[in-house]
C-alpha atoms as a PDB file:
ATOM      1  CA  ARG A   1      25.510   5.100 -29.892  1.00  0.00           C
ATOM      2  CA  GLY A   2      24.911   5.569 -26.188  1.00  0.00           C
ATOM      3  CA  THR A   3      23.923   2.855 -23.873  1.00  0.00           C
ATOM      4  CA  TRP A   4      20.423   3.154 -22.206  1.00  0.00           C
ATOM      5  CA  VAL A   5      18.474   1.021 -19.570  1.00  0.00           C
ATOM      6  CA  LEU A   6      14.803   0.804 -19.293  1.00  0.00           C
ATOM      7  CA  ALA A   7      13.409   0.077 -15.836  1.00  0.00           C
ATOM      8  CA  TRP A   8       9.697  -0.711 -15.172  1.00  0.00           C
ATOM      9  CA  GLN A   9       7.848  -1.224 -11.766  1.00  0.00           C
ATOM     10  CA  CYS A  10       4.767  -2.874 -13.098  1.00  0.00           C
ATOM     11  CA  HIS A  11       3.626  -6.136 -14.661  1.00  0.00           C
ATOM     12  CA  PHE A  12       2.621  -5.527 -18.196  1.00  0.00           C
ATOM     13  CA  GLU A  13       2.842  -9.328 -18.964  1.00  0.00           C
ATOM     14  CA  VAL A  14      -0.239  -9.998 -16.536  1.00  0.00           C
ATOM     15  CA  THR A  15      -3.167 -11.722 -18.120  1.00  0.00           C
ATOM     16  CA  LYS A  16      -6.627 -12.191 -16.849  1.00  0.00           C
ATOM     17  CA  GLU A  17      -5.821 -15.859 -15.990  1.00  0.00           C
ATOM     18  CA  SER A  18      -2.474 -14.977 -14.384  1.00  0.00           C
ATOM     19  CA  LEU A  19      -3.443 -12.162 -12.011  1.00  0.00           C
ATOM     20  CA  PRO A  20      -5.610 -14.039  -9.525  1.00  0.00           C
ATOM     21  CA  LYS A  21      -2.801 -16.492  -9.219  1.00  0.00           C
ATOM     22  CA  MET A  22      -0.163 -13.656  -8.773  1.00  0.00           C
ATOM     23  CA  VAL A  23      -2.401 -11.914  -6.127  1.00  0.00           C
ATOM     24  CA  SER A  24      -2.928 -15.464  -4.385  1.00  0.00           C
ATOM     25  CA  ASN A  25       0.822 -16.268  -4.307  1.00  0.00           C
ATOM     26  CA  GLY A  26       1.664 -12.792  -3.032  1.00  0.00           C
ATOM     27  CA  ASN A  27      -1.112 -12.392  -0.505  1.00  0.00           C
ATOM     28  CA  ALA A  28       1.371 -12.737   2.500  1.00  0.00           C
ATOM     29  CA  ALA A  29       3.429  -9.593   1.154  1.00  0.00           C
ATOM     30  CA  ILE A  30       0.156  -7.814   0.366  1.00  0.00           C
ATOM     31  CA  GLN A  31      -1.222  -8.321   3.794  1.00  0.00           C
ATOM     32  CA  SER A  32       1.976  -7.232   5.530  1.00  0.00           C
ATOM     33  CA  GLY A  33       2.019  -4.273   3.089  1.00  0.00           C
ATOM     34  CA  LEU A  34      -1.397  -3.344   4.006  1.00  0.00           C
ATOM     35  CA  LYS A  35      -0.773  -3.326   7.633  1.00  0.00           C
ATOM     36  CA  ASP A  36       2.565  -1.523   7.453  1.00  0.00           C
ATOM     37  CA  TYR A  37       1.706   0.947   4.400  1.00  0.00           C
ATOM     38  CA  PRO A  38      -2.021   1.089   4.242  1.00  0.00           C
ATOM     39  CA  GLU A  39      -1.871   4.430   2.118  1.00  0.00           C
ATOM     40  CA  THR A  40       0.157   2.969  -0.492  1.00  0.00           C
ATOM     41  CA  VAL A  41      -0.500  -0.895  -0.937  1.00  0.00           C
ATOM     42  CA  GLN A  42      -3.518  -1.890  -2.919  1.00  0.00           C
ATOM     43  CA  ALA A  43      -5.944  -4.573  -1.333  1.00  0.00           C
ATOM     44  CA  PRO A  44      -6.279  -7.705  -3.301  1.00  0.00           C
ATOM     45  CA  ASP A  45      -9.898  -6.810  -4.403  1.00  0.00           C
ATOM     46  CA  GLU A  46      -8.597  -3.494  -5.723  1.00  0.00           C
ATOM     47  CA  ILE A  47      -5.731  -5.166  -7.516  1.00  0.00           C
ATOM     48  CA  LEU A  48      -8.074  -7.703  -9.290  1.00  0.00           C
ATOM     49  CA  ALA A  49     -10.766  -4.887 -10.148  1.00  0.00           C
ATOM     50  CA  LEU A  50      -8.023  -2.598 -11.667  1.00  0.00           C
ATOM     51  CA  GLY A  51      -6.666  -5.784 -13.606  1.00  0.00           C
ATOM     52  CA  ASP A  52      -9.900  -6.184 -15.183  1.00  0.00           C
ATOM     53  CA  LYS A  53      -9.931  -2.515 -16.201  1.00  0.00           C
ATOM     54  CA  TYR A  54      -6.442  -2.261 -17.540  1.00  0.00           C
ATOM     55  CA  ILE A  55      -4.985  -5.789 -18.639  1.00  0.00           C
ATOM     56  CA  GLU A  56      -5.862  -5.496 -22.280  1.00  0.00           C
ATOM     57  CA  GLU A  57      -4.516  -1.991 -22.668  1.00  0.00           C
ATOM     58  CA  ASN A  58      -1.259  -2.838 -20.730  1.00  0.00           C
ATOM     59  CA  ASN A  59      -0.760  -6.018 -22.881  1.00  0.00           C
ATOM     60  CA  ALA A  60      -1.024  -3.806 -25.977  1.00  0.00           C
ATOM     61  CA  ARG A  61       1.445  -1.216 -24.589  1.00  0.00           C
ATOM     62  CA  LEU A  62       3.894  -3.981 -23.839  1.00  0.00           C
ATOM     63  CA  ALA A  63       3.791  -5.322 -27.391  1.00  0.00           C
ATOM     64  CA  THR A  64       4.258  -1.800 -28.660  1.00  0.00           C
ATOM     65  CA  MET A  65       7.215  -1.207 -26.467  1.00  0.00           C
ATOM     66  CA  PHE A  66       8.912  -4.563 -27.364  1.00  0.00           C
ATOM     67  CA  ASN A  67       8.290  -3.984 -31.115  1.00  0.00           C
ATOM     68  CA  ARG A  68      10.027  -0.367 -30.880  1.00  0.00           C
ATOM     69  CA  ILE A  69      12.936  -1.746 -29.062  1.00  0.00           C
ATOM     70  CA  ALA A  70      13.251  -4.621 -31.565  1.00  0.00           C
ATOM     71  CA  SER A  71      13.046  -2.223 -34.457  1.00  0.00           C
ATOM     72  CA  SER A  72      15.539   0.239 -33.174  1.00  0.00           C
ATOM     73  CA  ALA A  73      18.125  -2.591 -32.415  1.00  0.00           C
ATOM     74  CA  ASN A  74      17.798  -3.538 -35.978  1.00  0.00           C
ATOM     75  CA  LYS A  75      18.972  -0.401 -37.462  1.00  0.00           C
END
């Protein structure tokens, strides 16, 4: 078997309860990013709105991904 690595730049583990806390805790970095990279950094309101739209679907994707990894490791 070969060795493989999975890297992901997102937070599938976010819940409706944790997202506002994450945004609040990261607000200084968000504001700095908005100042330095306004074309690519999302504003807090945008992050929260997208969370409302995608959290449930992303949590389901995370569960599917972990289940597939676990089942392939058991073979």
